[in-house]
Amino acid sequence: MNSNLKLKIGDPVQVICGKEKGKIGKITAINRKTGYICLDTFPITTKALLVSKNPSKNENKLKEKSISIFFHISNVLAWDELTKKSSRIGIRVQGSQKMRFFKKSGNILQATTSKMSNFENIQTSNVNES
């Protein structure tokens, strides 16, 4: 799978094919190796599994397992909140920064805060308090 994925955690996307076509949600997890993403608008579902305790005595037990719904990245498009349309994402270099933008409207996709920047903000606030 291509590791140069333009979608990031927290980006709003729209499902463009399948049973859930047209639904909008934010990305909560990305598997870059397989190319699948998980969205926040789809709840975790339960799946019934048949577990055999004693195969010799034919005793079977039902067990429920909770699973998340994953979508392949080819089945979603980035959602532009300003124009209320889905679009592909391009990368534009401005100065020394790379900016992601919507190809249909040209609007810049707002960068989501990364986990590391949140961690750095917490550390600097603790240092300032001392």
N, C-alpha and C. Protein backbone atom coordinates (compact mmCIF):
# COMPACT_ATOMS: atom_id res chain seq x y z
N MET A 1 0.85 -1.19 0.00
CA MET A 1 0.00 0.00 0.00
C MET A 1 0.88 1.24 0.00
N ASN A 2 0.42 2.27 -0.63
CA ASN A 2 1.16 3.51 -0.70
C ASN A 2 1.20 4.18 0.66
N SER A 3 2.40 4.46 1.16
CA SER A 3 2.52 5.09 2.47
C SER A 3 2.28 6.60 2.39
N ASN A 4 2.20 7.16 1.18
CA ASN A 4 1.97 8.59 1.00
C ASN A 4 0.46 8.86 0.98
N LEU A 5 -0.17 8.60 2.10
CA LEU A 5 -1.61 8.78 2.23
C LEU A 5 -1.90 10.23 2.62
N LYS A 6 -2.78 10.88 1.89
CA LYS A 6 -3.05 12.30 2.14
C LYS A 6 -4.09 12.52 3.22
N LEU A 7 -4.81 11.47 3.61
CA LEU A 7 -5.78 11.59 4.70
C LEU A 7 -5.09 11.38 6.04
N LYS A 8 -5.57 12.11 7.05
CA LYS A 8 -4.99 12.01 8.39
C LYS A 8 -6.11 11.81 9.40
N ILE A 9 -5.74 11.40 10.61
CA ILE A 9 -6.72 11.20 11.67
C ILE A 9 -7.38 12.53 12.00
N GLY A 10 -8.71 12.53 12.07
CA GLY A 10 -9.47 13.75 12.36
C GLY A 10 -10.03 14.42 11.12
N ASP A 11 -9.62 14.00 9.94
CA ASP A 11 -10.15 14.58 8.69
C ASP A 11 -11.58 14.11 8.45
N PRO A 12 -12.48 15.02 8.06
CA PRO A 12 -13.84 14.59 7.70
C PRO A 12 -13.84 13.96 6.30
N VAL A 13 -14.52 12.83 6.17
CA VAL A 13 -14.60 12.13 4.89
C VAL A 13 -16.04 11.69 4.63
N GLN A 14 -16.34 11.43 3.35
CA GLN A 14 -17.65 10.94 2.94
C GLN A 14 -17.45 9.59 2.27
N VAL A 15 -18.30 8.62 2.62
CA VAL A 15 -18.26 7.30 2.00
C VAL A 15 -18.90 7.43 0.62
N ILE A 16 -18.21 6.97 -0.44
CA ILE A 16 -18.70 7.20 -1.79
C ILE A 16 -19.25 5.94 -2.46
N CYS A 17 -19.10 4.77 -1.85
CA CYS A 17 -19.70 3.56 -2.43
C CYS A 17 -19.96 2.53 -1.34
N GLY A 18 -20.82 1.61 -1.67
CA GLY A 18 -21.18 0.57 -0.72
C GLY A 18 -22.51 0.83 -0.04
N LYS A 19 -22.80 0.05 0.97
CA LYS A 19 -24.08 0.13 1.68
C LYS A 19 -24.23 1.44 2.45
N GLU A 20 -23.12 2.00 2.90
CA GLU A 20 -23.12 3.22 3.71
C GLU A 20 -22.86 4.48 2.87
N LYS A 21 -23.12 4.43 1.58
CA LYS A 21 -22.84 5.54 0.66
C LYS A 21 -23.53 6.82 1.10
N GLY A 22 -22.76 7.93 1.10
CA GLY A 22 -23.30 9.24 1.42
C GLY A 22 -23.10 9.66 2.87
N LYS A 23 -22.72 8.75 3.76
CA LYS A 23 -22.54 9.10 5.16
C LYS A 23 -21.20 9.81 5.37
N ILE A 24 -21.20 10.73 6.33
CA ILE A 24 -20.03 11.56 6.59
C ILE A 24 -19.54 11.27 8.01
N GLY A 25 -18.23 11.21 8.18
CA GLY A 25 -17.65 10.98 9.50
C GLY A 25 -16.20 11.41 9.54
N LYS A 26 -15.63 11.41 10.74
CA LYS A 26 -14.22 11.76 10.91
C LYS A 26 -13.41 10.49 11.12
N ILE A 27 -12.19 10.52 10.64
CA ILE A 27 -11.31 9.36 10.73
C ILE A 27 -10.80 9.22 12.16
N THR A 28 -10.96 8.02 12.72
CA THR A 28 -10.46 7.75 14.07
C THR A 28 -9.24 6.86 14.07
N ALA A 29 -9.07 6.04 13.04
CA ALA A 29 -7.91 5.14 12.97
C ALA A 29 -7.56 4.89 11.51
N ILE A 30 -6.26 4.75 11.25
CA ILE A 30 -5.78 4.47 9.90
C ILE A 30 -4.79 3.31 9.97
N ASN A 31 -4.97 2.32 9.10
CA ASN A 31 -4.01 1.24 8.94
C ASN A 31 -3.32 1.49 7.61
N ARG A 32 -2.14 2.07 7.65
CA ARG A 32 -1.44 2.44 6.42
C ARG A 32 -0.93 1.23 5.64
N LYS A 33 -0.72 0.13 6.32
CA LYS A 33 -0.21 -1.07 5.65
C LYS A 33 -1.27 -1.69 4.75
N THR A 34 -2.51 -1.77 5.23
CA THR A 34 -3.58 -2.38 4.44
C THR A 34 -4.42 -1.35 3.68
N GLY A 35 -4.38 -0.08 4.10
CA GLY A 35 -5.14 0.96 3.43
C GLY A 35 -6.57 1.07 3.91
N TYR A 36 -6.86 0.68 5.15
CA TYR A 36 -8.21 0.77 5.69
C TYR A 36 -8.27 1.84 6.78
N ILE A 37 -9.44 2.50 6.86
CA ILE A 37 -9.66 3.52 7.88
C ILE A 37 -10.93 3.22 8.66
N CYS A 38 -11.02 3.75 9.87
CA CYS A 38 -12.19 3.58 10.72
C CYS A 38 -12.79 4.97 10.95
N LEU A 39 -14.12 5.08 10.90
CA LEU A 39 -14.80 6.36 11.07
C LEU A 39 -15.56 6.40 12.38
N ASP A 40 -15.75 7.62 12.93
CA ASP A 40 -16.41 7.76 14.23
C ASP A 40 -17.93 7.64 14.16
N THR A 41 -18.55 7.85 13.02
CA THR A 41 -20.02 7.82 12.92
C THR A 41 -20.58 6.41 12.88
N PHE A 42 -19.74 5.42 12.66
CA PHE A 42 -20.19 4.04 12.59
C PHE A 42 -19.86 3.35 13.90
N PRO A 43 -20.89 2.92 14.64
CA PRO A 43 -20.64 2.33 15.96
C PRO A 43 -19.97 0.96 15.85
N ILE A 44 -19.39 0.55 16.95
CA ILE A 44 -18.79 -0.78 17.02
C ILE A 44 -19.93 -1.80 17.07
N THR A 45 -19.91 -2.77 16.19
CA THR A 45 -20.98 -3.77 16.12
C THR A 45 -20.52 -5.06 16.79
N THR A 46 -21.48 -5.89 17.12
CA THR A 46 -21.16 -7.18 17.72
C THR A 46 -21.41 -8.28 16.70
N LYS A 47 -20.58 -9.28 16.74
CA LYS A 47 -20.68 -10.41 15.82
C LYS A 47 -20.75 -11.68 16.66
N ALA A 48 -21.69 -12.56 16.35
CA ALA A 48 -21.85 -13.81 17.08
C ALA A 48 -20.91 -14.86 16.51
N LEU A 49 -20.11 -15.46 17.38
CA LEU A 49 -19.19 -16.52 16.98
C LEU A 49 -19.57 -17.80 17.69
N LEU A 50 -19.41 -18.90 17.02
CA LEU A 50 -19.69 -20.20 17.60
C LEU A 50 -18.38 -20.81 18.08
N VAL A 51 -18.26 -20.97 19.39
CA VAL A 51 -17.04 -21.49 19.98
C VAL A 51 -17.31 -22.91 20.48
N SER A 52 -16.46 -23.83 20.10
CA SER A 52 -16.62 -25.22 20.52
C SER A 52 -15.80 -25.45 21.78
N LYS A 53 -16.49 -25.77 22.88
CA LYS A 53 -15.79 -26.05 24.14
C LYS A 53 -15.25 -27.46 24.15
N ASN A 54 -16.08 -28.42 23.86
CA ASN A 54 -15.70 -29.83 23.84
C ASN A 54 -16.15 -30.43 22.52
N PRO A 55 -15.26 -30.56 21.56
CA PRO A 55 -15.70 -31.10 20.27
C PRO A 55 -16.16 -32.56 20.35
N SER A 56 -15.65 -33.30 21.31
CA SER A 56 -16.04 -34.70 21.42
C SER A 56 -17.48 -34.86 21.92
N LYS A 57 -17.95 -33.91 22.75
CA LYS A 57 -19.30 -34.00 23.31
C LYS A 57 -20.32 -33.15 22.54
N ASN A 58 -19.87 -32.49 21.46
CA ASN A 58 -20.72 -31.61 20.65
C ASN A 58 -21.34 -30.49 21.48
N GLU A 59 -20.57 -29.93 22.39
CA GLU A 59 -21.03 -28.78 23.17
C GLU A 59 -20.53 -27.51 22.49
N ASN A 60 -21.44 -26.71 22.00
CA ASN A 60 -21.09 -25.45 21.35
C ASN A 60 -21.62 -24.29 22.17
N LYS A 61 -20.88 -23.22 22.19
CA LYS A 61 -21.26 -22.05 22.96
C LYS A 61 -21.18 -20.82 22.06
N LEU A 62 -22.17 -19.94 22.18
CA LEU A 62 -22.16 -18.70 21.41
C LEU A 62 -21.38 -17.63 22.16
N LYS A 63 -20.51 -16.94 21.45
CA LYS A 63 -19.71 -15.88 22.04
C LYS A 63 -19.82 -14.66 21.16
N GLU A 64 -20.01 -13.48 21.77
CA GLU A 64 -20.11 -12.24 21.00
C GLU A 64 -18.77 -11.52 21.00
N LYS A 65 -18.42 -10.99 19.85
CA LYS A 65 -17.17 -10.26 19.69
C LYS A 65 -17.50 -8.90 19.10
N SER A 66 -16.95 -7.83 19.67
CA SER A 66 -17.21 -6.49 19.13
C SER A 66 -16.17 -6.16 18.07
N ILE A 67 -16.64 -5.65 16.94
CA ILE A 67 -15.75 -5.30 15.82
C ILE A 67 -16.09 -3.91 15.33
N SER A 68 -15.09 -3.22 14.81
CA SER A 68 -15.28 -1.90 14.20
C SER A 68 -15.47 -2.08 12.70
N ILE A 69 -16.18 -1.13 12.10
CA ILE A 69 -16.38 -1.16 10.65
C ILE A 69 -15.25 -0.37 9.99
N PHE A 70 -14.54 -1.00 9.08
CA PHE A 70 -13.43 -0.36 8.38
C PHE A 70 -13.79 -0.17 6.91
N PHE A 71 -13.28 0.91 6.32
CA PHE A 71 -13.49 1.22 4.91
C PHE A 71 -12.13 1.33 4.23
N HIS A 72 -12.06 0.87 2.98
CA HIS A 72 -10.83 1.06 2.22
C HIS A 72 -10.75 2.52 1.79
N ILE A 73 -9.53 3.05 1.68
CA ILE A 73 -9.37 4.48 1.38
C ILE A 73 -9.88 4.84 0.00
N SER A 74 -10.01 3.84 -0.89
CA SER A 74 -10.54 4.13 -2.22
C SER A 74 -12.05 4.33 -2.19
N ASN A 75 -12.70 4.00 -1.08
CA ASN A 75 -14.15 4.13 -0.96
C ASN A 75 -14.58 5.39 -0.22
N VAL A 76 -13.65 6.28 0.10
CA VAL A 76 -13.98 7.53 0.78
C VAL A 76 -13.30 8.70 0.08
N LEU A 77 -13.92 9.87 0.21
CA LEU A 77 -13.34 11.12 -0.29
C LEU A 77 -13.36 12.15 0.84
N ALA A 78 -12.40 13.06 0.81
CA ALA A 78 -12.35 14.11 1.83
C ALA A 78 -13.58 15.01 1.70
N TRP A 79 -14.13 15.45 2.84
CA TRP A 79 -15.34 16.27 2.88
C TRP A 79 -14.96 17.71 3.19
N ASP A 80 -15.38 18.63 2.30
CA ASP A 80 -15.14 20.06 2.49
C ASP A 80 -16.32 20.65 3.24
N GLU A 81 -16.08 21.13 4.45
CA GLU A 81 -17.15 21.67 5.30
C GLU A 81 -17.70 22.99 4.75
N LEU A 82 -16.87 23.77 4.08
CA LEU A 82 -17.32 25.08 3.58
C LEU A 82 -18.27 24.95 2.39
N THR A 83 -17.93 24.10 1.44
CA THR A 83 -18.75 23.96 0.24
C THR A 83 -19.75 22.81 0.33
N LYS A 84 -19.62 21.97 1.39
CA LYS A 84 -20.49 20.81 1.59
C LYS A 84 -20.42 19.84 0.41
N LYS A 85 -19.21 19.63 -0.10
CA LYS A 85 -18.97 18.69 -1.20
C LYS A 85 -17.74 17.85 -0.89
N SER A 86 -17.70 16.65 -1.46
CA SER A 86 -16.52 15.81 -1.31
C SER A 86 -15.55 16.09 -2.45
N SER A 87 -14.27 15.94 -2.17
CA SER A 87 -13.26 16.26 -3.16
C SER A 87 -11.98 15.48 -2.88
N ARG A 88 -11.14 15.40 -3.90
CA ARG A 88 -9.82 14.81 -3.70
C ARG A 88 -8.92 15.85 -3.04
N ILE A 89 -7.79 15.39 -2.52
CA ILE A 89 -6.86 16.27 -1.82
C ILE A 89 -5.58 16.40 -2.63
N GLY A 90 -5.06 17.62 -2.73
CA GLY A 90 -3.78 17.88 -3.35
C GLY A 90 -2.83 18.49 -2.34
N ILE A 91 -1.56 18.56 -2.69
CA ILE A 91 -0.57 19.16 -1.80
C ILE A 91 0.08 20.33 -2.52
N ARG A 92 0.11 21.47 -1.85
CA ARG A 92 0.67 22.70 -2.40
C ARG A 92 1.77 23.17 -1.44
N VAL A 93 2.91 23.59 -1.99
CA VAL A 93 4.00 24.07 -1.17
C VAL A 93 3.94 25.59 -1.11
N GLN A 94 3.84 26.13 0.11
CA GLN A 94 3.84 27.57 0.32
C GLN A 94 4.99 27.91 1.25
N GLY A 95 6.02 28.52 0.69
CA GLY A 95 7.21 28.80 1.49
C GLY A 95 7.93 27.50 1.80
N SER A 96 8.04 27.20 3.08
CA SER A 96 8.69 25.95 3.49
C SER A 96 7.69 24.94 4.02
N GLN A 97 6.37 25.25 3.93
CA GLN A 97 5.35 24.36 4.45
C GLN A 97 4.56 23.71 3.32
N LYS A 98 4.16 22.46 3.57
CA LYS A 98 3.26 21.76 2.65
C LYS A 98 1.85 21.96 3.17
N MET A 99 0.95 22.42 2.31
CA MET A 99 -0.44 22.64 2.68
C MET A 99 -1.31 21.69 1.87
N ARG A 100 -2.27 21.03 2.53
CA ARG A 100 -3.22 20.17 1.84
C ARG A 100 -4.41 21.03 1.43
N PHE A 101 -4.92 20.82 0.21
CA PHE A 101 -6.06 21.61 -0.28
C PHE A 101 -7.02 20.71 -1.04
N PHE A 102 -8.27 21.17 -1.13
CA PHE A 102 -9.29 20.45 -1.89
C PHE A 102 -9.15 20.82 -3.35
N LYS A 103 -9.15 19.82 -4.22
CA LYS A 103 -8.93 20.07 -5.65
C LYS A 103 -10.13 20.73 -6.32
N LYS A 104 -11.36 20.48 -5.85
CA LYS A 104 -12.54 21.10 -6.47
C LYS A 104 -12.65 22.57 -6.14
N SER A 105 -12.50 22.91 -4.86
CA SER A 105 -12.75 24.28 -4.44
C SER A 105 -11.48 25.10 -4.25
N GLY A 106 -10.36 24.46 -4.01
CA GLY A 106 -9.12 25.18 -3.74
C GLY A 106 -8.97 25.59 -2.28
N ASN A 107 -9.97 25.28 -1.43
CA ASN A 107 -9.88 25.62 -0.01
C ASN A 107 -8.78 24.79 0.65
N ILE A 108 -8.11 25.41 1.63
CA ILE A 108 -7.05 24.71 2.35
C ILE A 108 -7.67 23.86 3.44
N LEU A 109 -7.22 22.61 3.52
CA LEU A 109 -7.69 21.68 4.54
C LEU A 109 -6.96 22.01 5.83
N GLN A 110 -7.72 22.33 6.87
CA GLN A 110 -7.13 22.71 8.15
C GLN A 110 -6.39 21.52 8.75
N ALA A 111 -5.18 21.76 9.20
CA ALA A 111 -4.37 20.70 9.80
C ALA A 111 -4.91 20.35 11.18
N THR A 112 -5.02 19.08 11.45
CA THR A 112 -5.45 18.63 12.77
C THR A 112 -4.23 18.61 13.68
N THR A 113 -4.46 18.81 14.97
CA THR A 113 -3.35 18.79 15.90
C THR A 113 -2.87 17.37 16.10
N SER A 114 -1.59 17.19 16.04
CA SER A 114 -1.04 15.85 16.22
C SER A 114 -0.90 15.53 17.70
N LYS A 115 -0.73 14.26 17.99
CA LYS A 115 -0.60 13.83 19.38
C LYS A 115 0.67 14.42 19.99
N MET A 116 1.72 14.54 19.20
CA MET A 116 2.98 15.05 19.72
C MET A 116 2.85 16.52 20.09
N SER A 117 2.15 17.33 19.28
CA SER A 117 2.01 18.74 19.61
C SER A 117 1.17 18.93 20.87
N ASN A 118 0.16 18.08 21.08
CA ASN A 118 -0.60 18.15 22.33
C ASN A 118 0.28 17.81 23.51
N PHE A 119 1.15 16.81 23.35
CA PHE A 119 2.06 16.42 24.41
C PHE A 119 3.03 17.55 24.73
N GLU A 120 3.53 18.23 23.69
CA GLU A 120 4.45 19.34 23.91
C GLU A 120 3.76 20.50 24.61
N ASN A 121 2.49 20.78 24.29
CA ASN A 121 1.75 21.85 24.94
C ASN A 121 1.57 21.56 26.43
N ILE A 122 1.32 20.31 26.78
CA ILE A 122 1.14 19.94 28.18
C ILE A 122 2.45 20.12 28.94
N GLN A 123 3.57 19.73 28.31
CA GLN A 123 4.86 19.87 28.97
C GLN A 123 5.22 21.33 29.17
N THR A 124 4.99 22.18 28.18
CA THR A 124 5.36 23.60 28.31
C THR A 124 4.47 24.29 29.34
N SER A 125 3.20 23.90 29.48
CA SER A 125 2.33 24.51 30.47
C SER A 125 2.77 24.13 31.89
N ASN A 126 3.25 22.89 32.05
CA ASN A 126 3.75 22.46 33.36
C ASN A 126 5.03 23.18 33.73
N VAL A 127 5.90 23.45 32.76
CA VAL A 127 7.15 24.15 33.02
C VAL A 127 6.86 25.61 33.40
N ASN A 128 5.90 26.24 32.74
CA ASN A 128 5.56 27.64 33.00
C ASN A 128 4.94 27.82 34.39
N GLU A 129 4.23 26.80 34.89
CA GLU A 129 3.59 26.91 36.19
C GLU A 129 4.61 26.87 37.31
N SER A 130 5.76 26.19 37.13
CA SER A 130 6.76 26.04 38.19
C SER A 130 7.49 27.32 38.47
